[in-house]
């Protein structure tokens, strides 16, 4: 069993679930200040970013597995244990504009 420690010297103690929750609240507040809008950041955020990185080939496991182009949606659905690919695709960024730009060699401006 791995125990995470917080503090220094005589003030060391195991990290509690409450401490981890507080870290997420603090990070959410920092991100919100940096972005100038409310940013939701919680444990579930790691699930979203992991699936996104698996889809683009940026996840460290993609490099280890030689999947530089990432995984297909059906593979991501299996990884996430989702019943439908629609749920899985809702976790991913919309890449329609990027695909159109690549297809036609154009730059789409908002």
Protein backbone atom coordinates (compact mmCIF):
# COMPACT_ATOMS: atom_id res chain seq x y z
CA UNK A 1 0.00 0.00 0.00
CA UNK A 2 1.29 3.46 -0.92
CA UNK A 3 0.77 6.19 1.65
CA UNK A 4 1.18 9.80 0.54
CA UNK A 5 2.75 12.14 3.07
CA UNK A 6 2.21 15.86 3.48
CA UNK A 7 4.19 18.30 5.58
CA UNK A 8 7.83 18.46 6.61
CA UNK A 9 9.93 17.39 9.57
CA UNK A 10 7.86 16.82 12.70
CA UNK A 11 4.73 18.04 10.89
CA UNK A 12 4.51 15.06 8.51
CA UNK A 13 1.20 13.23 8.28
CA UNK A 14 -0.63 10.93 5.88
CA UNK A 15 -2.72 12.66 3.25
CA UNK A 16 -6.43 12.30 3.91
CA UNK A 17 -9.30 12.33 1.42
CA UNK A 18 -10.16 15.76 2.80
CA UNK A 19 -6.67 17.00 1.94
CA UNK A 20 -6.93 15.66 -1.61
CA UNK A 21 -10.35 17.32 -1.98
CA UNK A 22 -8.87 20.61 -0.77
CA UNK A 23 -6.06 20.29 -3.36
CA UNK A 24 -8.64 19.96 -6.13
CA UNK A 25 -10.61 22.96 -4.84
CA UNK A 26 -7.39 25.00 -4.67
CA UNK A 27 -6.39 23.97 -8.21
CA UNK A 28 -9.86 24.77 -9.52
CA UNK A 29 -9.59 28.25 -7.97
CA UNK A 30 -6.10 28.82 -9.43
CA UNK A 31 -7.23 27.71 -12.91
CA UNK A 32 -10.34 29.89 -12.66
CA UNK A 33 -8.25 32.95 -11.78
CA UNK A 34 -5.81 32.27 -14.62
CA UNK A 35 -8.59 31.76 -17.21
CA UNK A 36 -10.84 34.53 -15.94
CA UNK A 37 -13.82 32.17 -15.77
CA UNK A 38 -15.00 29.28 -13.60
CA UNK A 39 -13.00 26.13 -14.32
CA UNK A 40 -14.33 22.89 -12.88
CA UNK A 41 -11.43 20.65 -11.85
CA UNK A 42 -11.95 17.43 -9.94
CA UNK A 43 -10.86 13.80 -9.89
CA UNK A 44 -13.13 13.09 -12.87
CA UNK A 45 -11.15 15.68 -14.88
CA UNK A 46 -8.32 13.15 -15.12
CA UNK A 47 -10.68 10.70 -16.86
CA UNK A 48 -11.55 13.30 -19.49
CA UNK A 49 -7.97 14.37 -20.19
CA UNK A 50 -6.72 10.77 -20.26
CA UNK A 51 -9.28 9.80 -22.89
CA UNK A 52 -8.47 12.93 -24.90
CA UNK A 53 -4.74 12.16 -24.74
CA UNK A 54 -5.36 8.52 -25.71
CA UNK A 55 -7.34 9.78 -28.73
CA UNK A 56 -4.57 12.11 -29.92
CA UNK A 57 -1.65 9.81 -29.15
CA UNK A 58 -0.31 12.19 -26.48
CA UNK A 59 -0.83 9.81 -23.54
CA UNK A 60 2.45 8.31 -22.36
CA UNK A 61 1.05 4.81 -22.93
CA UNK A 62 0.54 5.61 -26.62
CA UNK A 63 4.28 6.13 -26.99
CA UNK A 64 5.03 2.91 -25.09
CA UNK A 65 2.60 1.01 -27.32
CA UNK A 66 3.68 2.66 -30.58
CA UNK A 67 0.22 4.27 -31.08
CA UNK A 68 1.45 7.71 -32.23
CA UNK A 69 -1.92 8.43 -33.89
CA UNK A 70 -3.85 7.44 -30.77
CA UNK A 71 -6.72 5.04 -30.28
CA UNK A 72 -9.99 4.76 -32.19
CA UNK A 73 -13.25 5.79 -30.52
CA UNK A 74 -14.26 2.14 -30.11
CA UNK A 75 -10.99 1.45 -28.26
CA UNK A 76 -11.55 4.46 -26.02
CA UNK A 77 -15.06 3.21 -25.26
CA UNK A 78 -13.52 -0.07 -24.02
CA UNK A 79 -10.91 1.75 -21.94
CA UNK A 80 -13.60 3.90 -20.31
CA UNK A 81 -16.08 1.01 -19.86
CA UNK A 82 -18.82 3.09 -21.50
CA UNK A 83 -21.96 1.44 -22.83
CA UNK A 84 -22.06 3.67 -25.91
CA UNK A 85 -19.57 5.49 -28.09
CA UNK A 86 -21.73 8.62 -27.78
CA UNK A 87 -20.86 8.84 -24.08
CA UNK A 88 -17.18 8.37 -24.87
CA UNK A 89 -17.21 10.99 -27.63
CA UNK A 90 -18.79 13.48 -25.19
CA UNK A 91 -15.55 13.27 -23.18
CA UNK A 92 -13.46 14.33 -26.19
CA UNK A 93 -12.83 17.74 -27.72
CA UNK A 94 -14.73 18.54 -30.91
CA UNK A 95 -12.21 18.23 -33.72
CA UNK A 96 -14.48 19.05 -36.68
CA UNK A 97 -12.82 22.40 -37.44
CA UNK A 98 -9.35 20.84 -37.26
CA UNK A 99 -10.39 18.11 -39.72
CA UNK A 100 -11.88 20.66 -42.15
CA UNK A 101 -8.71 22.75 -41.94
CA UNK A 102 -6.58 19.70 -42.74
CA UNK A 103 -8.88 18.52 -45.55
CA UNK A 104 -8.97 21.85 -47.38
CA UNK A 105 -5.74 23.51 -46.20
CA UNK A 106 -7.61 26.47 -44.75
CA UNK A 107 -7.66 28.31 -41.43
CA UNK A 108 -11.09 28.60 -39.77
CA UNK A 109 -11.42 31.74 -37.65
CA UNK A 110 -14.05 32.13 -34.92
